[in-house]
PDB file of N, CA and C in Angstrom:
ATOM      1  N   MET A   1     102.322  29.230  59.431  1.00  0.00           N
ATOM      2  CA  MET A   1     101.959  28.088  58.613  1.00  0.00           C
ATOM      3  C   MET A   1     102.014  26.794  59.437  1.00  0.00           C
ATOM      4  N   LEU A   2     103.088  26.657  60.225  1.00  0.00           N
ATOM      5  CA  LEU A   2     103.245  25.458  61.035  1.00  0.00           C
ATOM      6  C   LEU A   2     102.186  25.392  62.135  1.00  0.00           C
ATOM      7  N   ARG A   3     101.850  26.550  62.707  1.00  0.00           N
ATOM      8  CA  ARG A   3     100.807  26.572  63.735  1.00  0.00           C
ATOM      9  C   ARG A   3      99.455  26.158  63.162  1.00  0.00           C
ATOM     10  N   LYS A   4      99.184  26.615  61.940  1.00  0.00           N
ATOM     11  CA  LYS A   4      97.913  26.267  61.309  1.00  0.00           C
ATOM     12  C   LYS A   4      97.834  24.763  61.063  1.00  0.00           C
ATOM     13  N   ILE A   5      98.927  24.179  60.602  1.00  0.00           N
ATOM     14  CA  ILE A   5      98.970  22.734  60.374  1.00  0.00           C
ATOM     15  C   ILE A   5      98.786  22.000  61.696  1.00  0.00           C
ATOM     16  N   GLY A   6      99.438  22.487  62.741  1.00  0.00           N
ATOM     17  CA  GLY A   6      99.302  21.875  64.057  1.00  0.00           C
ATOM     18  C   GLY A   6      97.879  21.954  64.586  1.00  0.00           C
ATOM     19  N   ARG A   7      97.258  23.129  64.440  1.00  0.00           N
ATOM     20  CA  ARG A   7      95.878  23.287  64.897  1.00  0.00           C
ATOM     21  C   ARG A   7      94.920  22.395  64.114  1.00  0.00           C
ATOM     22  N   LEU A   8      95.117  22.346  62.795  1.00  0.00           N
ATOM     23  CA  LEU A   8      94.261  21.490  61.977  1.00  0.00           C
ATOM     24  C   LEU A   8      94.456  20.010  62.325  1.00  0.00           C
ATOM     25  N   SER A   9      95.692  19.622  62.586  1.00  0.00           N
ATOM     26  CA  SER A   9      95.969  18.238  62.970  1.00  0.00           C
ATOM     27  C   SER A   9      95.316  17.909  64.307  1.00  0.00           C
ATOM     28  N   LEU A  10      95.449  18.807  65.267  1.00  0.00           N
ATOM     29  CA  LEU A  10      94.843  18.597  66.580  1.00  0.00           C
ATOM     30  C   LEU A  10      93.324  18.520  66.475  1.00  0.00           C
ATOM     31  N   ALA A  11      92.739  19.426  65.705  1.00  0.00           N
ATOM     32  CA  ALA A  11      91.287  19.404  65.515  1.00  0.00           C
ATOM     33  C   ALA A  11      90.854  18.109  64.836  1.00  0.00           C
ATOM     34  N   GLY A  12      91.611  17.659  63.859  1.00  0.00           N
ATOM     35  CA  GLY A  12      91.289  16.406  63.179  1.00  0.00           C
ATOM     36  C   GLY A  12      91.355  15.217  64.121  1.00  0.00           C
ATOM     37  N   ILE A  13      92.374  15.174  64.974  1.00  0.00           N
ATOM     38  CA  ILE A  13      92.505  14.073  65.933  1.00  0.00           C
ATOM     39  C   ILE A  13      91.343  14.089  66.919  1.00  0.00           C
ATOM     40  N   ILE A  14      91.008  15.280  67.429  1.00  0.00           N
ATOM     41  CA  ILE A  14      89.909  15.387  68.389  1.00  0.00           C
ATOM     42  C   ILE A  14      88.589  14.978  67.746  1.00  0.00           C
ATOM     43  N   LEU A  15      88.315  15.487  66.551  1.00  0.00           N
ATOM     44  CA  LEU A  15      87.059  15.152  65.881  1.00  0.00           C
ATOM     45  C   LEU A  15      86.982  13.673  65.523  1.00  0.00           C
ATOM     46  N   PHE A  16      88.085  13.103  65.080  1.00  0.00           N
ATOM     47  CA  PHE A  16      88.113  11.677  64.757  1.00  0.00           C
ATOM     48  C   PHE A  16      87.861  10.847  66.008  1.00  0.00           C
ATOM     49  N   THR A  17      88.496  11.227  67.120  1.00  0.00           N
ATOM     50  CA  THR A  17      88.316  10.503  68.372  1.00  0.00           C
ATOM     51  C   THR A  17      86.874  10.589  68.860  1.00  0.00           C
ATOM     52  N   CYS A  18      86.291  11.773  68.773  1.00  0.00           N
ATOM     53  CA  CYS A  18      84.884  11.932  69.181  1.00  0.00           C
ATOM     54  C   CYS A  18      83.961  11.083  68.310  1.00  0.00           C
ATOM     55  N   GLY A  19      84.166  11.111  67.020  1.00  0.00           N
ATOM     56  CA  GLY A  19      83.341  10.316  66.111  1.00  0.00           C
ATOM     57  C   GLY A  19      83.489   8.829  66.371  1.00  0.00           C
ATOM     58  N   TYR A  20      84.711   8.387  66.601  1.00  0.00           N
ATOM     59  CA  TYR A  20      84.957   6.972  66.878  1.00  0.00           C
ATOM     60  C   TYR A  20      84.290   6.562  68.187  1.00  0.00           C
ATOM     61  N   THR A  21      84.394   7.426  69.201  1.00  0.00           N
ATOM     62  CA  THR A  21      83.771   7.136  70.491  1.00  0.00           C
ATOM     63  C   THR A  21      82.254   7.023  70.352  1.00  0.00           C
ATOM     64  N   LEU A  22      81.661   7.941  69.619  1.00  0.00           N
ATOM     65  CA  LEU A  22      80.212   7.877  69.410  1.00  0.00           C
ATOM     66  C   LEU A  22      79.802   6.621  68.633  1.00  0.00           C
ATOM     67  N   LEU A  23      80.609   6.252  67.672  1.00  0.00           N
ATOM     68  CA  LEU A  23      80.322   5.041  66.900  1.00  0.00           C
ATOM     69  C   LEU A  23      80.404   3.800  67.789  1.00  0.00           C
ATOM     70  N   ILE A  24      81.403   3.727  68.642  1.00  0.00           N
ATOM     71  CA  ILE A  24      81.532   2.606  69.562  1.00  0.00           C
ATOM     72  C   ILE A  24      80.359   2.588  70.534  1.00  0.00           C
ATOM     73  N   TRP A  25      79.997   3.774  71.053  1.00  0.00           N
ATOM     74  CA  TRP A  25      78.870   3.841  71.979  1.00  0.00           C
ATOM     75  C   TRP A  25      77.583   3.336  71.311  1.00  0.00           C
ATOM     76  N   LEU A  26      77.375   3.718  70.054  1.00  0.00           N
ATOM     77  CA  LEU A  26      76.211   3.247  69.323  1.00  0.00           C
ATOM     78  C   LEU A  26      76.251   1.730  69.168  1.00  0.00           C
ATOM     79  N   GLY A  27      77.415   1.199  68.856  1.00  0.00           N
ATOM     80  CA  GLY A  27      77.558  -0.254  68.723  1.00  0.00           C
ATOM     81  C   GLY A  27      77.278  -0.981  70.018  1.00  0.00           C
ATOM     82  N   VAL A  28      77.725  -0.400  71.124  1.00  0.00           N
ATOM     83  CA  VAL A  28      77.474  -1.011  72.429  1.00  0.00           C
ATOM     84  C   VAL A  28      75.985  -1.007  72.742  1.00  0.00           C
ATOM     85  N   ARG A  29      75.335   0.114  72.499  1.00  0.00           N
ATOM     86  CA  ARG A  29      73.891   0.196  72.780  1.00  0.00           C
ATOM     87  C   ARG A  29      73.110  -0.792  71.929  1.00  0.00           C
ATOM     88  N   LEU A  30      73.449  -0.865  70.626  1.00  0.00           N
ATOM     89  CA  LEU A  30      72.741  -1.791  69.743  1.00  0.00           C
ATOM     90  C   LEU A  30      72.986  -3.239  70.146  1.00  0.00           C
ATOM     91  N   ALA A  31      74.246  -3.562  70.477  1.00  0.00           N
ATOM     92  CA  ALA A  31      74.564  -4.936  70.879  1.00  0.00           C
ATOM     93  C   ALA A  31      73.859  -5.300  72.179  1.00  0.00           C
ATOM     94  N   SER A  32      73.823  -4.352  73.113  1.00  0.00           N
ATOM     95  CA  SER A  32      73.182  -4.670  74.394  1.00  0.00           C
ATOM     96  C   SER A  32      71.673  -4.851  74.234  1.00  0.00           C
ATOM     97  N   GLU A  33      71.043  -4.082  73.363  1.00  0.00           N
ATOM     98  CA  GLU A  33      69.598  -4.211  73.164  1.00  0.00           C
ATOM     99  C   GLU A  33      69.242  -5.458  72.362  1.00  0.00           C
ATOM    100  N   LYS A  34      70.069  -5.775  71.375  1.00  0.00           N
ATOM    101  CA  LYS A  34      69.726  -6.872  70.473  1.00  0.00           C
ATOM    102  C   LYS A  34      70.068  -8.243  71.054  1.00  0.00           C
ATOM    103  N   TRP A  35      71.263  -8.388  71.633  1.00  0.00           N
ATOM    104  CA  TRP A  35      71.723  -9.706  72.042  1.00  0.00           C
ATOM    105  C   TRP A  35      71.768  -9.911  73.553  1.00  0.00           C
ATOM    106  N   LEU A  36      71.890  -8.857  74.320  1.00  0.00           N
ATOM    107  CA  LEU A  36      72.137  -9.031  75.752  1.00  0.00           C
ATOM    108  C   LEU A  36      70.999  -8.510  76.628  1.00  0.00           C
ATOM    109  N   ASP A  37      69.820  -8.385  76.107  1.00  0.00           N
ATOM    110  CA  ASP A  37      68.625  -7.956  76.842  1.00  0.00           C
ATOM    111  C   ASP A  37      68.841  -6.651  77.609  1.00  0.00           C
ATOM    112  N   GLY A  38      69.505  -5.709  77.004  1.00  0.00           N
ATOM    113  CA  GLY A  38      69.707  -4.395  77.609  1.00  0.00           C
ATOM    114  C   GLY A  38      70.824  -4.324  78.632  1.00  0.00           C
ATOM    115  N   ASN A  39      71.600  -5.386  78.802  1.00  0.00           N
ATOM    116  CA  ASN A  39      72.707  -5.386  79.754  1.00  0.00           C
ATOM    117  C   ASN A  39      73.902  -4.664  79.131  1.00  0.00           C
ATOM    118  N   ILE A  40      73.997  -3.378  79.405  1.00  0.00           N
ATOM    119  CA  ILE A  40      75.018  -2.557  78.757  1.00  0.00           C
ATOM    120  C   ILE A  40      76.420  -2.842  79.301  1.00  0.00           C
ATOM    121  N   ASP A  41      76.524  -3.276  80.553  1.00  0.00           N
ATOM    122  CA  ASP A  41      77.840  -3.579  81.123  1.00  0.00           C
ATOM    123  C   ASP A  41      78.507  -4.740  80.388  1.00  0.00           C
ATOM    124  N   ALA A  42      77.750  -5.763  80.094  1.00  0.00           N
ATOM    125  CA  ALA A  42      78.306  -6.901  79.361  1.00  0.00           C
ATOM    126  C   ALA A  42      78.726  -6.483  77.955  1.00  0.00           C
ATOM    127  N   ALA A  43      77.918  -5.657  77.315  1.00  0.00           N
ATOM    128  CA  ALA A  43      78.266  -5.196  75.969  1.00  0.00           C
ATOM    129  C   ALA A  43      79.538  -4.361  75.997  1.00  0.00           C
ATOM    130  N   LEU A  44      79.660  -3.480  76.996  1.00  0.00           N
ATOM    131  CA  LEU A  44      80.887  -2.679  77.123  1.00  0.00           C
ATOM    132  C   LEU A  44      82.108  -3.575  77.329  1.00  0.00           C
ATOM    133  N   GLY A  45      81.956  -4.592  78.160  1.00  0.00           N
ATOM    134  CA  GLY A  45      83.063  -5.516  78.405  1.00  0.00           C
ATOM    135  C   GLY A  45      83.483  -6.255  77.158  1.00  0.00           C
ATOM    136  N   ILE A  46      82.501  -6.723  76.404  1.00  0.00           N
ATOM    137  CA  ILE A  46      82.802  -7.475  75.177  1.00  0.00           C
ATOM    138  C   ILE A  46      83.484  -6.574  74.151  1.00  0.00           C
ATOM    139  N   ILE A  47      82.929  -5.383  73.931  1.00  0.00           N
ATOM    140  CA  ILE A  47      83.507  -4.455  72.945  1.00  0.00           C
ATOM    141  C   ILE A  47      84.909  -4.023  73.386  1.00  0.00           C
ATOM    142  N   ALA A  48      85.091  -3.742  74.675  1.00  0.00           N
ATOM    143  CA  ALA A  48      86.416  -3.354  75.170  1.00  0.00           C
ATOM    144  C   ALA A  48      87.411  -4.492  74.986  1.00  0.00           C
ATOM    145  N   GLY A  49      86.986  -5.715  75.273  1.00  0.00           N
ATOM    146  CA  GLY A  49      87.867  -6.867  75.086  1.00  0.00           C
ATOM    147  C   GLY A  49      88.284  -7.046  73.637  1.00  0.00           C
ATOM    148  N   ILE A  50      87.337  -6.863  72.741  1.00  0.00           N
ATOM    149  CA  ILE A  50      87.654  -6.974  71.309  1.00  0.00           C
ATOM    150  C   ILE A  50      88.666  -5.903  70.917  1.00  0.00           C
ATOM    151  N   HIS A  51      88.476  -4.671  71.393  1.00  0.00           N
ATOM    152  CA  HIS A  51      89.406  -3.598  71.047  1.00  0.00           C
ATOM    153  C   HIS A  51      90.790  -3.819  71.650  1.00  0.00           C
ATOM    154  N   ILE A  52      90.847  -4.282  72.875  1.00  0.00           N
ATOM    155  CA  ILE A  52      92.149  -4.548  73.498  1.00  0.00           C
ATOM    156  C   ILE A  52      92.872  -5.665  72.752  1.00  0.00           C
ATOM    157  N   PHE A  53      92.149  -6.722  72.393  1.00  0.00           N
ATOM    158  CA  PHE A  53      92.756  -7.824  71.652  1.00  0.00           C
ATOM    159  C   PHE A  53      93.264  -7.364  70.290  1.00  0.00           C
ATOM    160  N   ALA A  54      92.435  -6.610  69.554  1.00  0.00           N
ATOM    161  CA  ALA A  54      92.839  -6.113  68.230  1.00  0.00           C
ATOM    162  C   ALA A  54      94.019  -5.148  68.351  1.00  0.00           C
ATOM    163  N   GLY A  55      93.996  -4.282  69.358  1.00  0.00           N
ATOM    164  CA  GLY A  55      95.111  -3.362  69.571  1.00  0.00           C
ATOM    165  C   GLY A  55      96.396  -4.099  69.901  1.00  0.00           C
ATOM    166  N   GLY A  56      96.287  -5.140  70.714  1.00  0.00           N
ATOM    167  CA  GLY A  56      97.466  -5.949  71.036  1.00  0.00           C
ATOM    168  C   GLY A  56      98.046  -6.628  69.811  1.00  0.00           C
ATOM    169  N   LEU A  57      97.169  -7.152  68.948  1.00  0.00           N
ATOM    170  CA  LEU A  57      97.652  -7.765  67.706  1.00  0.00           C
ATOM    171  C   LEU A  57      98.354  -6.747  66.812  1.00  0.00           C
ATOM    172  N   CYS A  58      97.793  -5.542  66.728  1.00  0.00           N
ATOM    173  CA  CYS A  58      98.424  -4.489  65.919  1.00  0.00           C
ATOM    174  C   CYS A  58      99.789  -4.108  66.478  1.00  0.00           C
ATOM    175  N   LEU A  59      99.889  -3.970  67.803  1.00  0.00           N
ATOM    176  CA  LEU A  59     101.178  -3.628  68.415  1.00  0.00           C
ATOM    177  C   LEU A  59     102.197  -4.739  68.231  1.00  0.00           C
ATOM    178  N   LEU A  60     101.765  -5.980  68.332  1.00  0.00           N
ATOM    179  CA  LEU A  60     102.664  -7.102  68.111  1.00  0.00           C
ATOM    180  C   LEU A  60     103.162  -7.130  66.669  1.00  0.00           C
ATOM    181  N   ALA A  61     102.257  -6.904  65.725  1.00  0.00           N
ATOM    182  CA  ALA A  61     102.647  -6.880  64.309  1.00  0.00           C
ATOM    183  C   ALA A  61     103.605  -5.724  64.036  1.00  0.00           C
ATOM    184  N   ALA A  62     103.361  -4.569  64.640  1.00  0.00           N
ATOM    185  CA  ALA A  62     104.254  -3.422  64.452  1.00  0.00           C
ATOM    186  C   ALA A  62     105.637  -3.711  65.030  1.00  0.00           C
ATOM    187  N   ARG A  63     105.666  -4.383  66.169  1.00  0.00           N
ATOM    188  CA  ARG A  63     106.955  -4.709  66.795  1.00  0.00           C
ATOM    189  C   ARG A  63     107.751  -5.669  65.911  1.00  0.00           C
ATOM    190  N   VAL A  64     107.090  -6.688  65.383  1.00  0.00           N
ATOM    191  CA  VAL A  64     107.769  -7.659  64.518  1.00  0.00           C
ATOM    192  C   VAL A  64     108.292  -6.975  63.266  1.00  0.00           C
ATOM    193  N   ARG A  65     107.462  -6.121  62.665  1.00  0.00           N
ATOM    194  CA  ARG A  65     107.895  -5.436  61.446  1.00  0.00           C
ATOM    195  C   ARG A  65     109.008  -4.436  61.716  1.00  0.00           C
ATOM    196  N   SER A  66     109.008  -3.794  62.877  1.00  0.00           N
ATOM    197  CA  SER A  66     110.053  -2.812  63.170  1.00  0.00           C
ATOM    198  C   SER A  66     111.402  -3.491  63.352  1.00  0.00           C
ATOM    199  N   HIS A  67     111.399  -4.722  63.871  1.00  0.00           N
ATOM    200  CA  HIS A  67     112.666  -5.444  64.011  1.00  0.00           C
ATOM    201  C   HIS A  67     113.204  -5.867  62.651  1.00  0.00           C
ATOM    202  N   ARG A  68     112.310  -6.116  61.708  1.00  0.00           N
ATOM    203  CA  ARG A  68     112.733  -6.508  60.368  1.00  0.00           C
ATOM    204  C   ARG A  68     113.160  -5.329  59.512  1.00  0.00           C
ATOM    205  N   ALA A  69     112.684  -4.134  59.827  1.00  0.00           N
ATOM    206  CA  ALA A  69     112.852  -2.997  58.924  1.00  0.00           C
ATOM    207  C   ALA A  69     114.263  -2.441  58.918  1.00  0.00           C
ATOM    208  N   LYS A  70     114.965  -2.481  60.028  1.00  0.00           N
ATOM    209  CA  LYS A  70     116.329  -1.918  60.137  1.00  0.00           C
ATOM    210  C   LYS A  70     116.338  -0.460  59.670  1.00  0.00           C
ATOM    211  N   PHE A  71     115.622   0.373  60.434  1.00  0.00           N
ATOM    212  CA  PHE A  71     115.514   1.783  60.103  1.00  0.00           C
ATOM    213  C   PHE A  71     116.885   2.448  60.058  1.00  0.00           C
ATOM    214  N   PHE A  72     117.036   3.390  59.177  1.00  0.00           N
ATOM    215  CA  PHE A  72     118.212   4.243  59.059  1.00  0.00           C
ATOM    216  C   PHE A  72     119.501   3.456  58.807  1.00  0.00           C
ATOM    217  N   ARG A  73     119.395   2.341  58.101  1.00  0.00           N
ATOM    218  CA  ARG A  73     120.574   1.529  57.821  1.00  0.00           C
ATOM    219  C   ARG A  73     121.625   2.341  57.058  1.00  0.00           C
ATOM    220  N   ASN A  74     121.196   3.076  56.025  1.00  0.00           N
ATOM    221  CA  ASN A  74     122.133   3.870  55.233  1.00  0.00           C
ATOM    222  C   ASN A  74     122.706   5.023  56.039  1.00  0.00           C
ATOM    223  N   SER A  75     121.891   5.651  56.852  1.00  0.00           N
ATOM    224  CA  SER A  75     122.371   6.777  57.659  1.00  0.00           C
ATOM    225  C   SER A  75     123.416   6.322  58.654  1.00  0.00           C
ATOM    226  N   LEU A  76     123.204   5.185  59.298  1.00  0.00           N
ATOM    227  CA  LEU A  76     124.179   4.685  60.259  1.00  0.00           C
ATOM    228  C   LEU A  76     125.490   4.311  59.575  1.00  0.00           C
ATOM    229  N   ALA A  77     125.396   3.735  58.391  1.00  0.00           N
ATOM    230  CA  ALA A  77     126.610   3.397  57.649  1.00  0.00           C
ATOM    231  C   ALA A  77     127.374   4.667  57.281  1.00  0.00           C
ATOM    232  N   GLU A  78     126.672   5.702  56.889  1.00  0.00           N
ATOM    233  CA  GLU A  78     127.317   6.967  56.546  1.00  0.00           C
ATOM    234  C   GLU A  78     127.959   7.619  57.773  1.00  0.00           C
ATOM    235  N   ILE A  79     127.288   7.547  58.895  1.00  0.00           N
ATOM    236  CA  ILE A  79     127.862   8.094  60.128  1.00  0.00           C
ATOM    237  C   ILE A  79     129.141   7.354  60.496  1.00  0.00           C
ATOM    238  N   ASN A  80     129.158   6.056  60.344  1.00  0.00           N
ATOM    239  CA  ASN A  80     130.362   5.275  60.649  1.00  0.00           C
ATOM    240  C   ASN A  80     131.500   5.626  59.698  1.00  0.00           C
ATOM    241  N   ARG A  81     131.189   5.814  58.401  1.00  0.00           N
ATOM    242  CA  ARG A  81     132.230   6.229  57.444  1.00  0.00           C
ATOM    243  C   ARG A  81     132.782   7.601  57.813  1.00  0.00           C
ATOM    244  N   ASP A  82     131.894   8.519  58.185  1.00  0.00           N
ATOM    245  CA  ASP A  82     132.344   9.854  58.579  1.00  0.00           C
ATOM    246  C   ASP A  82     133.211   9.796  59.838  1.00  0.00           C
ATOM    247  N   ARG A  83     132.830   8.946  60.766  1.00  0.00           N
ATOM    248  CA  ARG A  83     133.608   8.800  62.003  1.00  0.00           C
ATOM    249  C   ARG A  83     135.016   8.307  61.700  1.00  0.00           C
ATOM    250  N   LYS A  84     135.138   7.319  60.803  1.00  0.00           N
ATOM    251  CA  LYS A  84     136.454   6.806  60.415  1.00  0.00           C
ATOM    252  C   LYS A  84     137.262   7.876  59.692  1.00  0.00           C
ATOM    253  N   TRP A  85     136.601   8.621  58.814  1.00  0.00           N
ATOM    254  CA  TRP A  85     137.280   9.679  58.070  1.00  0.00           C
ATOM    255  C   TRP A  85     137.795  10.756  59.029  1.00  0.00           C
ATOM    256  N   LEU A  86     136.967  11.182  59.967  1.00  0.00           N
ATOM    257  CA  LEU A  86     137.396  12.191  60.934  1.00  0.00           C
ATOM    258  C   LEU A  86     138.519  11.673  61.823  1.00  0.00           C
ATOM    259  N   GLN A  87     138.462  10.393  62.194  1.00  0.00           N
ATOM    260  CA  GLN A  87     139.534   9.822  63.001  1.00  0.00           C
ATOM    261  C   GLN A  87     140.835   9.785  62.214  1.00  0.00           C
ATOM    262  N   SER A  88     140.767   9.490  60.916  1.00  0.00           N
ATOM    263  CA  SER A  88     141.992   9.469  60.107  1.00  0.00           C
ATOM    264  C   SER A  88     142.584  10.871  59.987  1.00  0.00           C
ATOM    265  N   ILE A  89     141.749  11.880  59.858  1.00  0.00           N
ATOM    266  CA  ILE A  89     142.242  13.264  59.823  1.00  0.00           C
ATOM    267  C   ILE A  89     142.882  13.620  61.156  1.00  0.00           C
ATOM    268  N   LYS A  90     142.255  13.230  62.239  1.00  0.00           N
ATOM    269  CA  LYS A  90     142.787  13.510  63.572  1.00  0.00           C
ATOM    270  C   LYS A  90     144.142  12.819  63.763  1.00  0.00           C
ATOM    271  N   ASP A  91     144.247  11.588  63.288  1.00  0.00           N
ATOM    272  CA  ASP A  91     145.529  10.840  63.411  1.00  0.00           C
ATOM    273  C   ASP A  91     146.620  11.504  62.580  1.00  0.00           C
ATOM    274  N   LYS A  92     146.263  12.004  61.378  1.00  0.00           N
ATOM    275  CA  LYS A  92     147.236  12.690  60.539  1.00  0.00           C
ATOM    276  C   LYS A  92     147.716  13.962  61.189  1.00  0.00           C
ATOM    277  N   LEU A  93     146.808  14.706  61.807  1.00  0.00           N
ATOM    278  CA  LEU A  93     147.199  15.950  62.471  1.00  0.00           C
ATOM    279  C   LEU A  93     148.084  15.684  63.685  1.00  0.00           C
ATOM    280  N   LYS A  94     147.860  14.583  64.381  1.00  0.00           N
ATOM    281  CA  LYS A  94     148.676  14.248  65.550  1.00  0.00           C
ATOM    282  C   LYS A  94     150.074  13.823  65.108  1.00  0.00           C
ATOM    283  N   SER A  95     150.176  13.156  63.982  1.00  0.00           N
ATOM    284  CA  SER A  95     151.466  12.635  63.540  1.00  0.00           C
ATOM    285  C   SER A  95     152.359  13.726  62.959  1.00  0.00           C
ATOM    286  N   LYS A  96     151.808  14.861  62.556  1.00  0.00           N
ATOM    287  CA  LYS A  96     152.622  15.958  62.024  1.00  0.00           C
ATOM    288  C   LYS A  96     153.309  16.674  63.181  1.00  0.00           C
ATOM    289  N   PRO A  97     154.621  17.003  62.988  1.00  0.00           N
ATOM    290  CA  PRO A  97     155.351  17.700  64.074  1.00  0.00           C
ATOM    291  C   PRO A  97     155.000  19.137  64.205  1.00  0.00           C
TER     292      PRO A  97
END
């Protein structure tokens, strides 16, 4: 069952990536023909720059939100309580003759 999910996930990622790449390639060709007189290098540069800028903004936003989120706050508090509890048991066992 897990292998099937993994294979389907991998196939989905590959197919999505291929479709996205083809869509970008189509956009580059159309942009180069319409606005840049067939200069495909300039269109590739512009589209790549837009994607790098948008990706950077997404990564920056994710970083800011991850600092605010305080993941696993409850789990860490529980681990600290368990650590204190285990230390108290250990201290009690040491104090017994």
